[in-house]
C-alpha atoms as a PDB file:
ATOM      1  CA  MET A   1       0.034  -0.023  -0.101  1.00  0.00           C
ATOM      2  CA  THR A   2       2.461   2.167   0.963  1.00  0.00           C
ATOM      3  CA  GLY A   3       3.947   1.348  -2.693  1.00  0.00           C
ATOM      4  CA  PHE A   4       0.766   2.941  -3.892  1.00  0.00           C
ATOM      5  CA  ILE A   5       0.422   6.107  -2.934  1.00  0.00           C
ATOM      6  CA  THR A   6       3.434   7.363  -1.927  1.00  0.00           C
ATOM      7  CA  VAL A   7       4.219  10.847   0.274  1.00  0.00           C
ATOM      8  CA  GLU A   8       5.192  12.281  -3.022  1.00  0.00           C
ATOM      9  CA  ILE A   9       1.267  11.523  -4.681  1.00  0.00           C
ATOM     10  CA  ILE A  10       0.339  12.839  -1.963  1.00  0.00           C
ATOM     11  CA  GLN A  11       2.205  16.192  -1.614  1.00  0.00           C
ATOM     12  CA  THR A  12       1.573  16.296  -5.550  1.00  0.00           C
ATOM     13  CA  ALA A  13      -1.693  16.128  -5.128  1.00  0.00           C
ATOM     14  CA  ILE A  14      -2.253  19.167  -1.921  1.00  0.00           C
ATOM     15  CA  GLU A  15      -0.417  21.090  -3.851  1.00  0.00           C
ATOM     16  CA  VAL A  16      -2.312  20.322  -7.177  1.00  0.00           C
ATOM     17  CA  GLY A  17      -5.720  20.724  -5.105  1.00  0.00           C
ATOM     18  CA  LEU A  18      -4.605  24.323  -3.754  1.00  0.00           C
ATOM     19  CA  ILE A  19      -4.025  25.930  -6.783  1.00  0.00           C
ATOM     20  CA  TYR A  20      -7.357  24.276  -8.226  1.00  0.00           C
ATOM     21  CA  SER A  21      -9.619  25.685  -5.407  1.00  0.00           C
ATOM     22  CA  LEU A  22      -9.532  28.565  -6.027  1.00  0.00           C
ATOM     23  CA  VAL A  23     -11.602  27.737  -9.279  1.00  0.00           C
ATOM     24  CA  ALA A  24     -14.065  26.083  -7.559  1.00  0.00           C
ATOM     25  CA  LEU A  25     -13.404  28.789  -5.225  1.00  0.00           C
ATOM     26  CA  SER A  26     -14.739  31.332  -8.279  1.00  0.00           C
ATOM     27  CA  LEU A  27     -17.502  28.783  -8.550  1.00  0.00           C
ATOM     28  CA  PHE A  28     -18.254  28.416  -5.287  1.00  0.00           C
ATOM     29  CA  ILE A  29     -19.306  32.697  -5.758  1.00  0.00           C
ATOM     30  CA  SER A  30     -20.853  32.634  -9.073  1.00  0.00           C
ATOM     31  CA  PHE A  31     -22.680  28.991  -9.048  1.00  0.00           C
ATOM     32  CA  SER A  32     -24.039  28.574  -5.045  1.00  0.00           C
ATOM     33  CA  ILE A  33     -24.075  32.159  -3.672  1.00  0.00           C
ATOM     34  CA  LEU A  34     -25.191  34.195  -7.516  1.00  0.00           C
ATOM     35  CA  ASP A  35     -26.669  30.612  -8.912  1.00  0.00           C
ATOM     36  CA  ILE A  36     -25.120  31.963 -12.506  1.00  0.00           C
ATOM     37  CA  CYS A  37     -23.615  29.490 -14.634  1.00  0.00           C
ATOM     38  CA  ASP A  38     -20.431  30.867 -15.919  1.00  0.00           C
ATOM     39  CA  LEU A  39     -18.775  28.534 -18.215  1.00  0.00           C
ATOM     40  CA  SER A  40     -15.893  31.270 -18.598  1.00  0.00           C
ATOM     41  CA  THR A  41     -14.112  29.949 -16.944  1.00  0.00           C
ATOM     42  CA  ASP A  42     -12.242  27.767 -19.001  1.00  0.00           C
ATOM     43  CA  GLY A  43     -10.931  30.773 -21.794  1.00  0.00           C
ATOM     44  CA  CYS A  44     -10.536  32.754 -18.300  1.00  0.00           C
ATOM     45  CA  TYR A  45      -8.516  30.047 -16.499  1.00  0.00           C
ATOM     46  CA  THR A  46      -6.164  29.617 -19.592  1.00  0.00           C
ATOM     47  CA  LEU A  47      -6.504  34.057 -19.574  1.00  0.00           C
ATOM     48  CA  GLY A  48      -4.834  34.086 -16.193  1.00  0.00           C
ATOM     49  CA  CYS A  49      -1.774  31.836 -16.766  1.00  0.00           C
ATOM     50  CA  ALA A  50      -0.726  33.290 -20.374  1.00  0.00           C
ATOM     51  CA  VAL A  51      -1.118  36.569 -18.424  1.00  0.00           C
ATOM     52  CA  GLY A  52       1.062  35.863 -15.679  1.00  0.00           C
ATOM     53  CA  ALA A  53       3.603  34.135 -17.525  1.00  0.00           C
ATOM     54  CA  VAL A  54       4.053  36.448 -20.056  1.00  0.00           C
ATOM     55  CA  VAL A  55       4.563  39.161 -17.468  1.00  0.00           C
ATOM     56  CA  THR A  56       6.061  36.214 -15.534  1.00  0.00           C
ATOM     57  CA  ILE A  57       8.851  36.151 -18.545  1.00  0.00           C
ATOM     58  CA  ALA A  58       9.341  40.578 -17.970  1.00  0.00           C
ATOM     59  CA  GLY A  59      11.056  40.008 -14.768  1.00  0.00           C
ATOM     60  CA  HIS A  60       7.900  40.002 -12.697  1.00  0.00           C
ATOM     61  CA  PRO A  61       6.691  36.889 -11.128  1.00  0.00           C
ATOM     62  CA  ILE A  62       5.084  38.109  -8.211  1.00  0.00           C
ATOM     63  CA  LEU A  63       3.502  40.877 -10.407  1.00  0.00           C
ATOM     64  CA  ALA A  64       2.153  38.225 -12.950  1.00  0.00           C
ATOM     65  CA  LEU A  65      -0.289  37.053  -9.917  1.00  0.00           C
ATOM     66  CA  PHE A  66      -2.354  40.833  -9.635  1.00  0.00           C
ATOM     67  CA  ALA A  67      -1.793  40.811 -13.543  1.00  0.00           C
ATOM     68  CA  ALA A  68      -3.376  37.816 -14.497  1.00  0.00           C
ATOM     69  CA  MET A  69      -6.354  38.761 -11.731  1.00  0.00           C
ATOM     70  CA  GLY A  70      -6.732  42.234 -13.363  1.00  0.00           C
ATOM     71  CA  ALA A  71      -7.495  39.567 -17.224  1.00  0.00           C
ATOM     72  CA  GLY A  72      -9.750  38.322 -15.061  1.00  0.00           C
ATOM     73  CA  ILE A  73     -11.859  41.159 -13.702  1.00  0.00           C
ATOM     74  CA  CYS A  74     -11.549  41.664 -16.927  1.00  0.00           C
ATOM     75  CA  SER A  75     -13.404  39.177 -18.184  1.00  0.00           C
ATOM     76  CA  GLY A  76     -16.068  38.474 -15.661  1.00  0.00           C
ATOM     77  CA  PHE A  77     -17.015  42.304 -16.494  1.00  0.00           C
ATOM     78  CA  ILE A  78     -17.601  41.913 -20.024  1.00  0.00           C
ATOM     79  CA  THR A  79     -19.660  38.330 -19.487  1.00  0.00           C
ATOM     80  CA  ALA A  80     -21.664  40.712 -16.360  1.00  0.00           C
ATOM     81  CA  THR A  81     -22.322  43.125 -19.332  1.00  0.00           C
ATOM     82  CA  LEU A  82     -23.552  41.025 -21.068  1.00  0.00           C
ATOM     83  CA  GLN A  83     -25.742  39.101 -18.695  1.00  0.00           C
ATOM     84  CA  THR A  84     -27.061  42.501 -17.471  1.00  0.00           C
ATOM     85  CA  ARG A  85     -26.786  45.156 -20.273  1.00  0.00           C
ATOM     86  CA  LEU A  86     -27.771  43.327 -23.224  1.00  0.00           C
ATOM     87  CA  GLY A  87     -29.862  40.565 -21.826  1.00  0.00           C
ATOM     88  CA  VAL A  88     -27.570  37.554 -23.099  1.00  0.00           C
ATOM     89  CA  PRO A  89     -28.869  35.187 -20.992  1.00  0.00           C
ATOM     90  CA  SER A  90     -26.043  33.017 -18.422  1.00  0.00           C
ATOM     91  CA  ILE A  91     -25.334  29.892 -19.657  1.00  0.00           C
ATOM     92  CA  LEU A  92     -24.496  32.035 -23.734  1.00  0.00           C
ATOM     93  CA  ALA A  93     -22.799  34.763 -22.405  1.00  0.00           C
ATOM     94  CA  GLY A  94     -19.895  32.307 -20.800  1.00  0.00           C
ATOM     95  CA  ILE A  95     -19.972  30.632 -23.884  1.00  0.00           C
ATOM     96  CA  ILE A  96     -19.692  33.518 -25.807  1.00  0.00           C
ATOM     97  CA  VAL A  97     -16.863  34.914 -23.705  1.00  0.00           C
ATOM     98  CA  ASN A  98     -15.160  31.821 -23.077  1.00  0.00           C
ATOM     99  CA  THR A  99     -14.849  31.629 -27.617  1.00  0.00           C
ATOM    100  CA  GLY A 100     -13.912  35.094 -27.561  1.00  0.00           C
ATOM    101  CA  LEU A 101     -11.336  34.010 -25.840  1.00  0.00           C
ATOM    102  CA  TYR A 102      -9.514  32.251 -27.446  1.00  0.00           C
ATOM    103  CA  THR A 103      -8.351  34.688 -29.316  1.00  0.00           C
ATOM    104  CA  ILE A 104      -7.277  36.886 -27.041  1.00  0.00           C
ATOM    105  CA  ASN A 105      -5.092  33.941 -25.984  1.00  0.00           C
ATOM    106  CA  LEU A 106      -3.297  33.219 -28.392  1.00  0.00           C
ATOM    107  CA  ALA A 107      -2.239  37.002 -28.924  1.00  0.00           C
ATOM    108  CA  VAL A 108      -1.164  37.648 -25.044  1.00  0.00           C
ATOM    109  CA  MET A 109       1.164  34.511 -26.218  1.00  0.00           C
ATOM    110  CA  GLY A 110       1.845  35.790 -29.589  1.00  0.00           C
ATOM    111  CA  PHE A 111      -0.178  34.134 -31.175  1.00  0.00           C
ATOM    112  CA  SER A 112       1.996  30.532 -29.809  1.00  0.00           C
ATOM    113  CA  SER A 113      -0.140  27.458 -29.107  1.00  0.00           C
ATOM    114  CA  ASN A 114       2.157  27.037 -25.522  1.00  0.00           C
ATOM    115  CA  ILE A 115       4.899  29.276 -23.884  1.00  0.00           C
ATOM    116  CA  SER A 116       7.367  27.965 -21.406  1.00  0.00           C
ATOM    117  CA  ILE A 117       8.905  29.770 -18.583  1.00  0.00           C
ATOM    118  CA  PHE A 118      11.617  27.592 -17.922  1.00  0.00           C
ATOM    119  CA  GLY A 119      15.152  29.627 -16.854  1.00  0.00           C
ATOM    120  CA  THR A 120      13.158  32.154 -15.390  1.00  0.00           C
ATOM    121  CA  ASP A 121      11.898  33.503 -11.219  1.00  0.00           C
ATOM    122  CA  THR A 122       8.702  32.457 -10.020  1.00  0.00           C
ATOM    123  CA  LEU A 123       7.020  32.835  -7.097  1.00  0.00           C
ATOM    124  CA  PHE A 124       7.824  29.206  -6.176  1.00  0.00           C
ATOM    125  CA  SER A 125      11.288  29.058  -7.132  1.00  0.00           C
ATOM    126  CA  LEU A 126      11.572  32.883  -5.242  1.00  0.00           C
ATOM    127  CA  VAL A 127      10.063  31.214  -1.356  1.00  0.00           C
ATOM    128  CA  LYS A 128      12.564  27.985  -2.075  1.00  0.00           C
ATOM    129  CA  GLY A 129      14.871  30.607  -1.856  1.00  0.00           C
ATOM    130  CA  ILE A 130      14.455  31.349   1.927  1.00  0.00           C
ATOM    131  CA  SER A 131      15.571  27.935   3.483  1.00  0.00           C
ATOM    132  CA  GLU A 132      18.589  24.931   2.109  1.00  0.00           C
ATOM    133  CA  SER A 133      16.702  23.058   4.447  1.00  0.00           C
ATOM    134  CA  PRO A 134      15.544  20.100   3.113  1.00  0.00           C
ATOM    135  CA  GLY A 135      12.347  19.486   4.811  1.00  0.00           C
ATOM    136  CA  TRP A 136      11.496  23.693   2.521  1.00  0.00           C
ATOM    137  CA  GLN A 137      13.273  22.114   0.230  1.00  0.00           C
ATOM    138  CA  SER A 138      10.419  19.369   0.372  1.00  0.00           C
ATOM    139  CA  TRP A 139       7.169  20.707   1.151  1.00  0.00           C
ATOM    140  CA  TYR A 140       8.116  25.379   0.650  1.00  0.00           C
ATOM    141  CA  ARG A 141       5.349  24.893  -2.065  1.00  0.00           C
ATOM    142  CA  ILE A 142       2.753  23.588  -0.098  1.00  0.00           C
ATOM    143  CA  VAL A 143       3.521  26.694   3.131  1.00  0.00           C
ATOM    144  CA  ILE A 144       3.576  29.180   1.139  1.00  0.00           C
ATOM    145  CA  LEU A 145       0.038  27.964  -1.281  1.00  0.00           C
ATOM    146  CA  LEU A 146      -1.328  27.358   2.224  1.00  0.00           C
ATOM    147  CA  ILE A 147      -0.818  31.156   3.288  1.00  0.00           C
ATOM    148  CA  LEU A 148      -1.583  32.422  -0.343  1.00  0.00           C
ATOM    149  CA  ILE A 149      -5.029  29.904   0.382  1.00  0.00           C
ATOM    150  CA  THR A 150      -5.844  30.539   3.785  1.00  0.00           C
ATOM    151  CA  LEU A 151      -5.738  34.196   3.457  1.00  0.00           C
ATOM    152  CA  ILE A 152      -8.047  34.352   0.249  1.00  0.00           C
ATOM    153  CA  ALA A 153     -10.173  31.805   2.034  1.00  0.00           C
ATOM    154  CA  LEU A 154     -10.508  34.916   4.865  1.00  0.00           C
ATOM    155  CA  ALA A 155     -10.860  37.623   2.956  1.00  0.00           C
ATOM    156  CA  ILE A 156     -13.652  36.319   1.084  1.00  0.00           C
ATOM    157  CA  TRP A 157     -15.399  34.817   4.298  1.00  0.00           C
ATOM    158  CA  TRP A 158     -15.003  38.774   5.644  1.00  0.00           C
ATOM    159  CA  PHE A 159     -15.773  40.015   2.032  1.00  0.00           C
ATOM    160  CA  MET A 160     -19.160  38.013   2.093  1.00  0.00           C
ATOM    161  CA  GLY A 161     -20.348  39.201   5.425  1.00  0.00           C
ATOM    162  CA  THR A 162     -19.808  42.911   4.075  1.00  0.00           C
ATOM    163  CA  ARG A 163     -22.518  44.887   3.242  1.00  0.00           C
ATOM    164  CA  LEU A 164     -22.355  44.103  -0.056  1.00  0.00           C
ATOM    165  CA  GLY A 165     -20.926  40.468  -0.050  1.00  0.00           C
ATOM    166  CA  LEU A 166     -24.752  39.674   1.962  1.00  0.00           C
ATOM    167  CA  ALA A 167     -25.994  42.181  -0.966  1.00  0.00           C
ATOM    168  CA  ILE A 168     -24.042  39.661  -3.321  1.00  0.00           C
ATOM    169  CA  ARG A 169     -26.233  36.774  -1.660  1.00  0.00           C
ATOM    170  CA  ALA A 170     -29.406  37.764  -1.503  1.00  0.00           C
ATOM    171  CA  THR A 171     -28.734  38.107  -5.253  1.00  0.00           C
ATOM    172  CA  GLY A 172     -28.485  34.852  -5.963  1.00  0.00           C
ATOM    173  CA  ASP A 173     -31.238  34.067  -3.392  1.00  0.00           C
ATOM    174  CA  SER A 174     -33.965  36.067  -4.734  1.00  0.00           C
ATOM    175  CA  PRO A 175     -33.210  39.171  -6.987  1.00  0.00           C
ATOM    176  CA  ALA A 176     -36.554  40.442  -7.581  1.00  0.00           C
ATOM    177  CA  MET A 177     -36.537  41.058  -3.625  1.00  0.00           C
ATOM    178  CA  VAL A 178     -33.277  42.461  -3.714  1.00  0.00           C
ATOM    179  CA  LYS A 179     -34.912  45.601  -6.755  1.00  0.00           C
ATOM    180  CA  ALA A 180     -37.799  46.253  -4.142  1.00  0.00           C
ATOM    181  CA  SER A 181     -34.997  46.505  -0.761  1.00  0.00           C
ATOM    182  CA  SER A 182     -33.341  49.064  -3.700  1.00  0.00           C
ATOM    183  CA  ILE A 183     -30.680  47.568  -4.193  1.00  0.00           C
ATOM    184  CA  ASN A 184     -29.325  47.295  -8.147  1.00  0.00           C
ATOM    185  CA  PRO A 185     -29.155  43.468  -8.994  1.00  0.00           C
ATOM    186  CA  VAL A 186     -26.652  44.164 -11.667  1.00  0.00           C
ATOM    187  CA  ALA A 187     -23.385  46.362 -10.051  1.00  0.00           C
ATOM    188  CA  THR A 188     -23.661  43.070  -7.273  1.00  0.00           C
ATOM    189  CA  ILE A 189     -24.119  40.802 -10.128  1.00  0.00           C
ATOM    190  CA  THR A 190     -21.043  42.116 -11.659  1.00  0.00           C
ATOM    191  CA  ILE A 191     -18.692  42.470  -8.721  1.00  0.00           C
ATOM    192  CA  GLY A 192     -19.794  39.424  -7.636  1.00  0.00           C
ATOM    193  CA  LEU A 193     -18.373  37.682 -11.161  1.00  0.00           C
ATOM    194  CA  CYS A 194     -15.314  40.009 -11.349  1.00  0.00           C
ATOM    195  CA  VAL A 195     -14.520  38.584  -8.001  1.00  0.00           C
ATOM    196  CA  ALA A 196     -14.977  34.726  -9.387  1.00  0.00           C
ATOM    197  CA  ASN A 197     -12.885  35.508 -12.390  1.00  0.00           C
ATOM    198  CA  ALA A 198      -9.936  37.365 -10.640  1.00  0.00           C
ATOM    199  CA  LEU A 199      -9.351  34.438  -8.384  1.00  0.00           C
ATOM    200  CA  THR A 200      -9.351  31.983 -11.854  1.00  0.00           C
ATOM    201  CA  GLY A 201      -7.221  33.957 -13.221  1.00  0.00           C
ATOM    202  CA  LEU A 202      -4.893  34.033 -10.045  1.00  0.00           C
ATOM    203  CA  SER A 203      -4.988  30.403 -10.851  1.00  0.00           C
ATOM    204  CA  GLY A 204      -3.699  29.979 -13.334  1.00  0.00           C
ATOM    205  CA  ALA A 205      -1.235  32.295 -13.086  1.00  0.00           C
ATOM    206  CA  LEU A 206      -0.115  29.768 -10.181  1.00  0.00           C
ATOM    207  CA  ILE A 207      -0.747  26.759 -12.136  1.00  0.00           C
ATOM    208  CA  GLY A 208       1.776  28.504 -15.183  1.00  0.00           C
ATOM    209  CA  GLN A 209       4.354  28.868 -12.555  1.00  0.00           C
ATOM    210  CA  TYR A 210       3.894  25.440 -10.730  1.00  0.00           C
ATOM    211  CA  ASN A 211       4.559  23.801 -13.985  1.00  0.00           C
ATOM    212  CA  LYS A 212       6.727  26.341 -15.714  1.00  0.00           C
ATOM    213  CA  SER A 213       4.651  26.740 -19.110  1.00  0.00           C
ATOM    214  CA  CYS A 214       1.201  27.823 -20.506  1.00  0.00           C
ATOM    215  CA  ASP A 215      -0.993  25.792 -23.374  1.00  0.00           C
ATOM    216  CA  ILE A 216      -3.943  27.440 -24.723  1.00  0.00           C
ATOM    217  CA  ASN A 217      -5.653  24.220 -24.407  1.00  0.00           C
ATOM    218  CA  LEU A 218      -4.846  24.393 -20.278  1.00  0.00           C
ATOM    219  CA  GLY A 219      -8.255  25.424 -18.767  1.00  0.00           C
ATOM    220  CA  THR A 220     -10.188  22.706 -20.961  1.00  0.00           C
ATOM    221  CA  GLY A 221     -12.525  20.792 -18.667  1.00  0.00           C
ATOM    222  CA  MET A 222     -11.620  23.585 -15.737  1.00  0.00           C
ATOM    223  CA  VAL A 223     -15.771  24.400 -15.137  1.00  0.00           C
ATOM    224  CA  THR A 224     -15.959  20.478 -14.600  1.00  0.00           C
ATOM    225  CA  ILE A 225     -13.143  19.908 -12.695  1.00  0.00           C
ATOM    226  CA  ALA A 226     -14.220  22.334 -10.460  1.00  0.00           C
ATOM    227  CA  LEU A 227     -16.887  21.928 -10.312  1.00  0.00           C
ATOM    228  CA  ALA A 228     -16.443  18.318  -9.311  1.00  0.00           C
ATOM    229  CA  SER A 229     -14.192  19.880  -6.717  1.00  0.00           C
ATOM    230  CA  LEU A 230     -17.400  22.356  -5.393  1.00  0.00           C
ATOM    231  CA  ILE A 231     -19.967  19.500  -5.208  1.00  0.00           C
ATOM    232  CA  ILE A 232     -17.946  17.693  -2.983  1.00  0.00           C
ATOM    233  CA  GLY A 233     -17.250  21.048  -0.810  1.00  0.00           C
ATOM    234  CA  GLU A 234     -20.631  21.540  -0.928  1.00  0.00           C
ATOM    235  CA  THR A 235     -21.511  17.596   0.355  1.00  0.00           C
ATOM    236  CA  ILE A 236     -18.856  17.703   2.715  1.00  0.00           C
ATOM    237  CA  SER A 237     -20.420  21.038   4.158  1.00  0.00           C
ATOM    238  CA  GLY A 238     -24.194  20.325   4.083  1.00  0.00           C
ATOM    239  CA  ARG A 239     -24.252  24.252   3.912  1.00  0.00           C
ATOM    240  CA  ARG A 240     -23.280  25.462   6.851  1.00  0.00           C
ATOM    241  CA  ARG A 241     -21.990  28.072   8.084  1.00  0.00           C
ATOM    242  CA  MET A 242     -19.895  30.272   5.408  1.00  0.00           C
ATOM    243  CA  LEU A 243     -16.370  30.261   7.155  1.00  0.00           C
ATOM    244  CA  TRP A 244     -16.613  26.349   7.363  1.00  0.00           C
ATOM    245  CA  ARG A 245     -18.566  25.699   3.736  1.00  0.00           C
ATOM    246  CA  ILE A 246     -15.073  27.774   2.312  1.00  0.00           C
ATOM    247  CA  VAL A 247     -12.773  26.003   3.977  1.00  0.00           C
ATOM    248  CA  CYS A 248     -14.584  22.378   2.941  1.00  0.00           C
ATOM    249  CA  VAL A 249     -14.533  23.580  -1.047  1.00  0.00           C
ATOM    250  CA  VAL A 250     -10.637  23.874  -0.724  1.00  0.00           C
ATOM    251  CA  LEU A 251     -11.115  20.713   1.093  1.00  0.00           C
ATOM    252  CA  GLY A 252     -12.650  19.606  -1.719  1.00  0.00           C
ATOM    253  CA  SER A 253     -10.267  20.423  -4.384  1.00  0.00           C
ATOM    254  CA  CYS A 254      -7.987  18.378  -3.007  1.00  0.00           C
ATOM    255  CA  LEU A 255      -9.934  15.327  -2.260  1.00  0.00           C
ATOM    256  CA  TYR A 256     -10.773  15.184  -6.342  1.00  0.00           C
ATOM    257  CA  ARG A 257      -6.605  15.789  -7.106  1.00  0.00           C
ATOM    258  CA  PHE A 258      -6.344  12.696  -4.712  1.00  0.00           C
ATOM    259  CA  ILE A 259      -8.619  10.545  -6.416  1.00  0.00           C
ATOM    260  CA  VAL A 260      -7.132  11.857  -9.940  1.00  0.00           C
ATOM    261  CA  SER A 261      -4.211  10.760  -8.534  1.00  0.00           C
ATOM    262  CA  LEU A 262      -5.384   6.698  -7.053  1.00  0.00           C
ATOM    263  CA  ALA A 263      -6.463   6.499 -10.803  1.00  0.00           C
ATOM    264  CA  LEU A 264      -2.714   7.710 -12.547  1.00  0.00           C
ATOM    265  CA  ARG A 265      -1.799   4.756 -10.510  1.00  0.00           C
ATOM    266  CA  LEU A 266      -4.913   2.302 -11.300  1.00  0.00           C
ATOM    267  CA  ASN A 267      -3.236   3.464 -15.183  1.00  0.00           C
ATOM    268  CA  VAL A 268      -6.309   5.216 -16.188  1.00  0.00           C
ATOM    269  CA  PRO A 269      -5.432   6.832 -20.218  1.00  0.00           C
ATOM    270  CA  THR A 270      -5.856   9.887 -19.830  1.00  0.00           C
ATOM    271  CA  GLU A 271      -8.257   9.953 -22.340  1.00  0.00           C
ATOM    272  CA  ALA A 272     -10.765   9.157 -19.527  1.00  0.00           C
ATOM    273  CA  PHE A 273      -9.898  11.835 -16.987  1.00  0.00           C
ATOM    274  CA  LYS A 274     -13.250  13.452 -17.954  1.00  0.00           C
ATOM    275  CA  LEU A 275     -15.503  10.155 -17.977  1.00  0.00           C
ATOM    276  CA  VAL A 276     -13.589   9.940 -14.368  1.00  0.00           C
ATOM    277  CA  SER A 277     -14.281  13.943 -13.191  1.00  0.00           C
ATOM    278  CA  ALA A 278     -17.978  13.259 -14.885  1.00  0.00           C
ATOM    279  CA  ILE A 279     -18.586  10.064 -13.004  1.00  0.00           C
ATOM    280  CA  ILE A 280     -16.777  12.144 -10.041  1.00  0.00           C
ATOM    281  CA  VAL A 281     -19.511  14.864 -10.112  1.00  0.00           C
ATOM    282  CA  ALA A 282     -21.906  12.698 -10.660  1.00  0.00           C
ATOM    283  CA  ILE A 283     -21.597  10.418  -7.234  1.00  0.00           C
ATOM    284  CA  ALA A 284     -21.306  13.854  -5.230  1.00  0.00           C
ATOM    285  CA  ILE A 285     -24.468  15.130  -6.240  1.00  0.00           C
ATOM    286  CA  ALA A 286     -26.361  11.858  -6.373  1.00  0.00           C
ATOM    287  CA  ALA A 287     -24.817  11.106  -2.752  1.00  0.00           C
ATOM    288  CA  PRO A 288     -27.812  13.128  -0.644  1.00  0.00           C
ATOM    289  CA  GLN A 289     -30.140  12.111  -2.258  1.00  0.00           C
ATOM    290  CA  VAL A 290     -28.519   8.373  -1.958  1.00  0.00           C
ATOM    291  CA  LYS A 291     -28.280   8.872   1.798  1.00  0.00           C
ATOM    292  CA  SER A 292     -31.854  10.415   2.334  1.00  0.00           C
ATOM    293  CA  LEU A 293     -33.489   7.395   0.435  1.00  0.00           C
ATOM    294  CA  PHE A 294     -31.512   4.414   2.126  1.00  0.00           C
ATOM    295  CA  VAL A 295     -32.414   6.256   5.442  1.00  0.00           C
ATOM    296  CA  SER A 296     -35.780   6.049   4.232  1.00  0.00           C
ATOM    297  CA  TYR A 297     -35.758   2.968   3.370  1.00  0.00           C
ATOM    298  CA  ARG A 298     -34.408   1.694   7.033  1.00  0.00           C
ATOM    299  CA  LYS A 299     -37.143   3.698   8.743  1.00  0.00           C
ATOM    300  CA  ARG A 300     -39.647   1.326   5.869  1.00  0.00           C
ATOM    301  CA  ARG A 301     -37.717  -1.794   7.162  1.00  0.00           C
ATOM    302  CA  ALA A 302     -37.704  -1.032  10.585  1.00  0.00           C
ATOM    303  CA  ALA A 303     -41.911   0.414  10.304  1.00  0.00           C
ATOM    304  CA  MET A 304     -42.853  -2.731   8.644  1.00  0.00           C
ATOM    305  CA  ALA A 305     -40.676  -5.284  11.089  1.00  0.00           C
ATOM    306  CA  LEU A 306     -42.866  -3.466  13.770  1.00  0.00           C
ATOM    307  CA  ARG A 307     -46.127  -4.135  11.962  1.00  0.00           C
ATOM    308  CA  LYS A 308     -45.243  -7.599  11.840  1.00  0.00           C
ATOM    309  CA  SER A 309     -43.802  -8.180  15.246  1.00  0.00           C
ATOM    310  CA  GLY A 310     -47.146  -6.392  16.169  1.00  0.00           C
ATOM    311  CA  ARG A 311     -50.063  -8.853  14.208  1.00  0.00           C
ATOM    312  CA  SER A 312     -47.838 -11.631  15.375  1.00  0.00           C
ATOM    313  CA  GLY A 313     -47.981 -10.660  18.648  1.00  0.00           C
ATOM    314  CA  GLY A 314     -52.011 -10.617  18.090  1.00  0.00           C
ATOM    315  CA  SER A 315     -52.499 -13.904  17.093  1.00  0.00           C
ATOM    316  CA  ARG A 316     -50.456 -15.183  20.171  1.00  0.00           C
ATOM    317  CA  ALA A 317     -53.362 -13.673  22.328  1.00  0.00           C
END
């Protein structure tokens, strides 16, 4: 078993899971809170990676993260404008933006399908140089990612408790009530999608610096991966307090990556990963319903057994 699940596998699953958790948190804001299906995630993720890679190559690895977030904000603003100002349905708005971003991403990358960051300083290489101890050299990525994700999770939790954050949450629950309360749903939807896509862009920049490369097809299927992580996290949290829900989304992302790592160890073909993702999503969605059906089945069995014991007791009398 130790040969099947090694420390390196667990370590990599946690590292990539933490980076992907930013996209899951993005869908948490857009899908779970705003109740908007944003399908521009794939293109926005690649946009963040492309912008981050170009700025990193220019010698500014830290600035690259903020630039990627800014690019994500622009993507979210366009998606929100299509929905709120032009009356385009959310699904179509996401598809339109995602399609347009393909050309934009190519342009950012100099019309090359991929670019390399090898030989350039990144956030991870800068952090690695802090200490030469073997422990730090092995776990520095997890440490910096844990610090970063913790700060972002706390920022989201704080933001959702502010007046603006509560207005965004109310918009997802009941847009009609928000309008009646003199709150502008156009502004809340726009701000919510900008924040969500900023997280997606940041995730793309981090994965680019992590892999030291950027590919035009990097974001393909990212919305499925993020949705799987989100649903796993929501299933764990049970829709309790906001901070616990945010933490569970991050845990769901790491758990999803661990499941994918196990699939790799089982020699599942790379071509079947999308099927694995779909199965994980289906199981996560169906888990609460299956649990309730199992509980009701046990209750029916218990009631039938009680009736049988009552009839048998009456016949003896």
